[in-house]
Each structure stands twice: as structure tokens, then as C-alpha cells.
Amino acid sequence: MEQDEKNVQTPEDPDEDIVSLYGQDGSKIDFIEIAGIAHKGNFYAILQPVELLEGMHDDEALVFKVSLNEEGQDKFEIELDEEIIDAVFAEYNRLLDNARRS
């Protein structure tokens, strides 16, 4: 998924946690929203493609940095920094473990 201003959330059904992202070429990929994680003043979304990308396993997901574009809509940029990705998944796992204990 290329980073660009067209990566805007367009929920087709507000009751579903599906995020549709569009590439520069106009291609659309639907993602299941796994979690939203705050980390060091930024917000990240853990998303898994509805139809897994080539080479992906069903237990894998991608991390996107979420910000607002000029129109006030969510803008998703794939995160490539391994340290941030690891920290986001570590926080997700910590929250998941705490929820299981409750």
C-alpha cells in the first residue's frame, strides 16, 4: 500500500470494523480493524487485509499511522519503522493480556 493522501477511511457499514484504503492508482483494499493504539503522542491502527496479501499468514497484520488530512478525515500511512511496529504490537499484546485477566 503506497503512502498518499488517498488512504482515507471510508466505512461502508458503520457497524463493521472495516477500513477501505485506496492507493495512488485507485486500487481499493479492505482491512479489518484489529486495534487502535496510542504510542508516543501518535495514534496507530493495526489492520489486517480482508483478503490476505501474497505471503501473509492469517495471524499477521500491518501497522498504520493515523493522522487527519486537510478535510479532517483519517489518513492512514503504513508504518515502516520496525521499532515503532514492535512497540505498537507490544502495547496491543499487553492490553490483550490485561483484558483476558479481567
N, C-alpha and C. Protein backbone atom coordinates (compact mmCIF):
# COMPACT_ATOMS: atom_id res chain seq x y z
N MET A 1 0.86 -1.17 0.00
CA MET A 1 0.00 0.00 0.00
C MET A 1 0.90 1.22 0.00
N GLU A 2 0.72 2.07 -0.97
CA GLU A 2 1.54 3.25 -1.07
C GLU A 2 1.05 4.31 -0.10
N GLN A 3 1.98 5.15 0.34
CA GLN A 3 1.62 6.23 1.24
C GLN A 3 1.16 7.41 0.41
N ASP A 4 -0.06 7.84 0.64
CA ASP A 4 -0.53 9.02 -0.06
C ASP A 4 -1.79 9.54 0.60
N GLU A 5 -2.25 10.67 0.13
CA GLU A 5 -3.41 11.33 0.71
C GLU A 5 -4.70 10.56 0.42
N LYS A 6 -4.67 9.62 -0.52
CA LYS A 6 -5.89 8.90 -0.86
C LYS A 6 -6.21 7.78 0.13
N ASN A 7 -5.29 7.50 1.04
CA ASN A 7 -5.55 6.46 2.04
C ASN A 7 -6.46 7.02 3.11
N VAL A 8 -7.74 7.08 2.80
CA VAL A 8 -8.72 7.67 3.68
C VAL A 8 -9.74 6.61 4.06
N GLN A 9 -10.11 6.61 5.33
CA GLN A 9 -11.09 5.64 5.79
C GLN A 9 -12.45 5.96 5.17
N THR A 10 -13.05 4.92 4.61
CA THR A 10 -14.38 5.08 4.06
C THR A 10 -15.22 3.88 4.49
N PRO A 11 -15.75 3.93 5.71
CA PRO A 11 -16.52 2.79 6.18
C PRO A 11 -17.77 2.59 5.35
N GLU A 12 -17.94 1.36 4.89
CA GLU A 12 -19.11 1.06 4.08
C GLU A 12 -20.30 0.72 4.97
N ASP A 13 -20.06 0.21 6.14
CA ASP A 13 -21.09 -0.09 7.12
C ASP A 13 -20.55 0.36 8.47
N PRO A 14 -21.13 1.39 9.07
CA PRO A 14 -20.58 1.92 10.32
C PRO A 14 -20.55 0.92 11.46
N ASP A 15 -21.30 -0.17 11.35
CA ASP A 15 -21.31 -1.18 12.41
C ASP A 15 -20.17 -2.18 12.26
N GLU A 16 -19.50 -2.19 11.13
CA GLU A 16 -18.39 -3.10 10.90
C GLU A 16 -17.08 -2.36 11.09
N ASP A 17 -16.06 -3.09 11.51
CA ASP A 17 -14.74 -2.50 11.67
C ASP A 17 -13.92 -2.74 10.41
N ILE A 18 -14.45 -2.29 9.28
CA ILE A 18 -13.77 -2.42 8.00
C ILE A 18 -13.28 -1.04 7.59
N VAL A 19 -12.02 -0.99 7.20
CA VAL A 19 -11.41 0.24 6.71
C VAL A 19 -11.02 -0.01 5.27
N SER A 20 -11.48 0.85 4.37
CA SER A 20 -11.12 0.74 2.95
C SER A 20 -10.07 1.79 2.65
N LEU A 21 -8.92 1.34 2.14
CA LEU A 21 -7.85 2.24 1.78
C LEU A 21 -7.64 2.20 0.28
N TYR A 22 -7.31 3.35 -0.28
CA TYR A 22 -7.12 3.49 -1.72
C TYR A 22 -5.70 3.90 -2.01
N GLY A 23 -5.08 3.24 -2.98
CA GLY A 23 -3.73 3.57 -3.40
C GLY A 23 -3.75 4.68 -4.43
N GLN A 24 -2.56 5.13 -4.81
CA GLN A 24 -2.45 6.19 -5.81
C GLN A 24 -3.06 5.79 -7.14
N ASP A 25 -3.05 4.49 -7.42
CA ASP A 25 -3.62 4.01 -8.68
C ASP A 25 -5.12 3.78 -8.60
N GLY A 26 -5.71 4.11 -7.44
CA GLY A 26 -7.15 3.96 -7.27
C GLY A 26 -7.58 2.59 -6.79
N SER A 27 -6.62 1.66 -6.62
CA SER A 27 -6.98 0.33 -6.15
C SER A 27 -7.46 0.40 -4.70
N LYS A 28 -8.42 -0.44 -4.38
CA LYS A 28 -9.03 -0.45 -3.06
C LYS A 28 -8.69 -1.75 -2.35
N ILE A 29 -8.28 -1.63 -1.08
CA ILE A 29 -8.05 -2.81 -0.25
C ILE A 29 -8.84 -2.61 1.03
N ASP A 30 -9.66 -3.60 1.37
CA ASP A 30 -10.43 -3.57 2.62
C ASP A 30 -9.63 -4.24 3.72
N PHE A 31 -9.66 -3.61 4.90
CA PHE A 31 -8.94 -4.12 6.06
C PHE A 31 -9.91 -4.29 7.22
N ILE A 32 -9.64 -5.28 8.04
CA ILE A 32 -10.33 -5.45 9.31
C ILE A 32 -9.53 -4.69 10.35
N GLU A 33 -10.19 -3.81 11.10
CA GLU A 33 -9.50 -3.07 12.14
C GLU A 33 -9.37 -3.96 13.37
N ILE A 34 -8.12 -4.27 13.71
CA ILE A 34 -7.83 -5.12 14.86
C ILE A 34 -7.80 -4.30 16.13
N ALA A 35 -7.10 -3.16 16.10
CA ALA A 35 -6.97 -2.31 17.29
C ALA A 35 -6.46 -0.94 16.92
N GLY A 36 -6.69 -0.01 17.82
CA GLY A 36 -6.11 1.33 17.74
C GLY A 36 -5.22 1.50 18.96
N ILE A 37 -3.99 1.94 18.75
CA ILE A 37 -3.00 2.03 19.82
C ILE A 37 -2.38 3.43 19.81
N ALA A 38 -2.35 4.07 20.98
CA ALA A 38 -1.63 5.33 21.14
C ALA A 38 -0.20 5.01 21.53
N HIS A 39 0.76 5.69 20.89
CA HIS A 39 2.17 5.46 21.19
C HIS A 39 2.94 6.74 20.94
N LYS A 40 3.58 7.25 21.99
CA LYS A 40 4.44 8.44 21.90
C LYS A 40 3.76 9.60 21.17
N GLY A 41 2.54 9.88 21.56
CA GLY A 41 1.84 11.04 21.01
C GLY A 41 1.22 10.84 19.65
N ASN A 42 1.32 9.65 19.10
CA ASN A 42 0.71 9.34 17.80
C ASN A 42 -0.31 8.22 17.98
N PHE A 43 -1.18 8.09 16.99
CA PHE A 43 -2.18 7.02 17.02
C PHE A 43 -1.90 6.08 15.85
N TYR A 44 -1.95 4.79 16.15
CA TYR A 44 -1.67 3.76 15.15
C TYR A 44 -2.84 2.79 15.09
N ALA A 45 -3.12 2.31 13.90
CA ALA A 45 -4.14 1.29 13.69
C ALA A 45 -3.46 0.00 13.26
N ILE A 46 -3.87 -1.09 13.89
CA ILE A 46 -3.43 -2.41 13.46
C ILE A 46 -4.54 -2.95 12.57
N LEU A 47 -4.19 -3.17 11.31
CA LEU A 47 -5.17 -3.59 10.30
C LEU A 47 -4.72 -4.87 9.62
N GLN A 48 -5.70 -5.72 9.31
CA GLN A 48 -5.42 -6.94 8.56
C GLN A 48 -6.27 -6.93 7.29
N PRO A 49 -5.64 -7.15 6.14
CA PRO A 49 -6.43 -7.19 4.91
C PRO A 49 -7.52 -8.26 4.97
N VAL A 50 -8.71 -7.92 4.50
CA VAL A 50 -9.80 -8.91 4.44
C VAL A 50 -9.35 -10.09 3.59
N GLU A 51 -8.75 -9.79 2.45
CA GLU A 51 -8.14 -10.81 1.61
C GLU A 51 -6.63 -10.66 1.80
N LEU A 52 -6.02 -11.64 2.47
CA LEU A 52 -4.61 -11.53 2.81
C LEU A 52 -3.76 -11.28 1.58
N LEU A 53 -2.75 -10.43 1.75
CA LEU A 53 -1.82 -10.14 0.67
C LEU A 53 -0.92 -11.34 0.46
N GLU A 54 -0.36 -11.44 -0.73
CA GLU A 54 0.51 -12.56 -1.05
C GLU A 54 1.62 -12.69 -0.01
N GLY A 55 1.78 -13.89 0.52
CA GLY A 55 2.82 -14.15 1.50
C GLY A 55 2.42 -13.89 2.94
N MET A 56 1.23 -13.32 3.17
CA MET A 56 0.77 -13.05 4.54
C MET A 56 0.13 -14.29 5.14
N HIS A 57 0.32 -14.45 6.44
CA HIS A 57 -0.35 -15.51 7.19
C HIS A 57 -1.55 -14.93 7.91
N ASP A 58 -2.50 -15.80 8.30
CA ASP A 58 -3.74 -15.30 8.91
C ASP A 58 -3.54 -14.70 10.30
N ASP A 59 -2.34 -14.82 10.87
CA ASP A 59 -2.08 -14.20 12.17
C ASP A 59 -1.22 -12.94 12.03
N GLU A 60 -1.09 -12.41 10.82
CA GLU A 60 -0.29 -11.22 10.57
C GLU A 60 -1.20 -10.02 10.30
N ALA A 61 -0.69 -8.85 10.66
CA ALA A 61 -1.41 -7.60 10.40
C ALA A 61 -0.37 -6.50 10.14
N LEU A 62 -0.86 -5.37 9.68
CA LEU A 62 0.00 -4.24 9.36
C LEU A 62 -0.30 -3.09 10.31
N VAL A 63 0.70 -2.24 10.53
CA VAL A 63 0.53 -1.07 11.39
C VAL A 63 0.51 0.17 10.51
N PHE A 64 -0.49 1.02 10.73
CA PHE A 64 -0.62 2.28 10.01
C PHE A 64 -0.65 3.43 11.01
N LYS A 65 0.08 4.49 10.71
CA LYS A 65 0.00 5.72 11.49
C LYS A 65 -1.24 6.47 11.00
N VAL A 66 -2.06 6.91 11.94
CA VAL A 66 -3.31 7.59 11.59
C VAL A 66 -3.18 9.07 11.96
N SER A 67 -3.47 9.92 11.02
CA SER A 67 -3.50 11.36 11.25
C SER A 67 -4.71 11.93 10.52
N LEU A 68 -4.92 13.22 10.63
CA LEU A 68 -6.04 13.85 9.93
C LEU A 68 -5.52 14.56 8.69
N ASN A 69 -6.25 14.42 7.58
CA ASN A 69 -5.88 15.15 6.38
C ASN A 69 -6.50 16.54 6.43
N GLU A 70 -6.33 17.31 5.37
CA GLU A 70 -6.82 18.69 5.34
C GLU A 70 -8.33 18.79 5.46
N GLU A 71 -9.04 17.73 5.07
CA GLU A 71 -10.51 17.73 5.16
C GLU A 71 -11.00 17.20 6.50
N GLY A 72 -10.07 16.86 7.39
CA GLY A 72 -10.45 16.35 8.71
C GLY A 72 -10.79 14.87 8.72
N GLN A 73 -10.45 14.16 7.65
CA GLN A 73 -10.69 12.72 7.58
C GLN A 73 -9.43 11.98 8.02
N ASP A 74 -9.62 10.76 8.51
CA ASP A 74 -8.49 9.93 8.90
C ASP A 74 -7.63 9.62 7.68
N LYS A 75 -6.33 9.78 7.85
CA LYS A 75 -5.35 9.45 6.81
C LYS A 75 -4.47 8.34 7.36
N PHE A 76 -4.32 7.27 6.62
CA PHE A 76 -3.55 6.11 7.05
C PHE A 76 -2.25 6.03 6.24
N GLU A 77 -1.13 5.95 6.94
CA GLU A 77 0.17 5.78 6.29
C GLU A 77 0.82 4.54 6.88
N ILE A 78 1.21 3.62 6.02
CA ILE A 78 1.82 2.39 6.52
C ILE A 78 3.10 2.74 7.29
N GLU A 79 3.25 2.13 8.44
CA GLU A 79 4.44 2.36 9.28
C GLU A 79 5.52 1.38 8.88
N LEU A 80 6.71 1.91 8.63
CA LEU A 80 7.82 1.08 8.19
C LEU A 80 8.92 0.96 9.24
N ASP A 81 8.87 1.79 10.28
CA ASP A 81 9.88 1.78 11.33
C ASP A 81 9.67 0.57 12.23
N GLU A 82 10.60 -0.37 12.20
CA GLU A 82 10.46 -1.63 12.95
C GLU A 82 10.32 -1.39 14.46
N GLU A 83 11.00 -0.39 15.00
CA GLU A 83 10.90 -0.11 16.43
C GLU A 83 9.49 0.32 16.80
N ILE A 84 8.89 1.17 15.98
CA ILE A 84 7.52 1.60 16.24
C ILE A 84 6.56 0.44 16.08
N ILE A 85 6.72 -0.35 15.03
CA ILE A 85 5.86 -1.51 14.81
C ILE A 85 5.93 -2.45 16.00
N ASP A 86 7.14 -2.75 16.46
CA ASP A 86 7.31 -3.64 17.61
C ASP A 86 6.66 -3.06 18.86
N ALA A 87 6.82 -1.74 19.08
CA ALA A 87 6.23 -1.10 20.26
C ALA A 87 4.71 -1.12 20.21
N VAL A 88 4.13 -0.90 19.03
CA VAL A 88 2.67 -0.93 18.87
C VAL A 88 2.13 -2.33 19.15
N PHE A 89 2.77 -3.35 18.61
CA PHE A 89 2.32 -4.72 18.87
C PHE A 89 2.54 -5.12 20.33
N ALA A 90 3.61 -4.64 20.94
CA ALA A 90 3.86 -4.93 22.36
C ALA A 90 2.75 -4.33 23.22
N GLU A 91 2.34 -3.10 22.92
CA GLU A 91 1.25 -2.46 23.68
C GLU A 91 -0.06 -3.20 23.43
N TYR A 92 -0.31 -3.58 22.20
CA TYR A 92 -1.52 -4.35 21.87
C TYR A 92 -1.56 -5.65 22.67
N ASN A 93 -0.44 -6.37 22.69
CA ASN A 93 -0.39 -7.63 23.44
C ASN A 93 -0.56 -7.41 24.93
N ARG A 94 0.00 -6.32 25.46
CA ARG A 94 -0.15 -6.00 26.88
C ARG A 94 -1.62 -5.73 27.20
N LEU A 95 -2.28 -4.94 26.37
CA LEU A 95 -3.70 -4.65 26.57
C LEU A 95 -4.55 -5.90 26.45
N LEU A 96 -4.22 -6.76 25.50
CA LEU A 96 -4.95 -8.01 25.32
C LEU A 96 -4.78 -8.92 26.53
N ASP A 97 -3.57 -9.01 27.06
CA ASP A 97 -3.32 -9.82 28.26
C ASP A 97 -4.10 -9.28 29.46
N ASN A 98 -4.13 -7.95 29.62
CA ASN A 98 -4.87 -7.36 30.72
C ASN A 98 -6.37 -7.61 30.59
N ALA A 99 -6.89 -7.56 29.37
CA ALA A 99 -8.31 -7.81 29.15
C ALA A 99 -8.65 -9.26 29.46
N ARG A 100 -7.77 -10.17 29.16
CA ARG A 100 -8.02 -11.59 29.43
C ARG A 100 -8.03 -11.88 30.93
N ARG A 101 -7.25 -11.13 31.68
CA ARG A 101 -7.17 -11.32 33.14
C ARG A 101 -8.39 -10.75 33.84
N SER A 102 -9.07 -9.80 33.22
CA SER A 102 -10.21 -9.15 33.85
C SER A 102 -11.43 -10.02 33.89
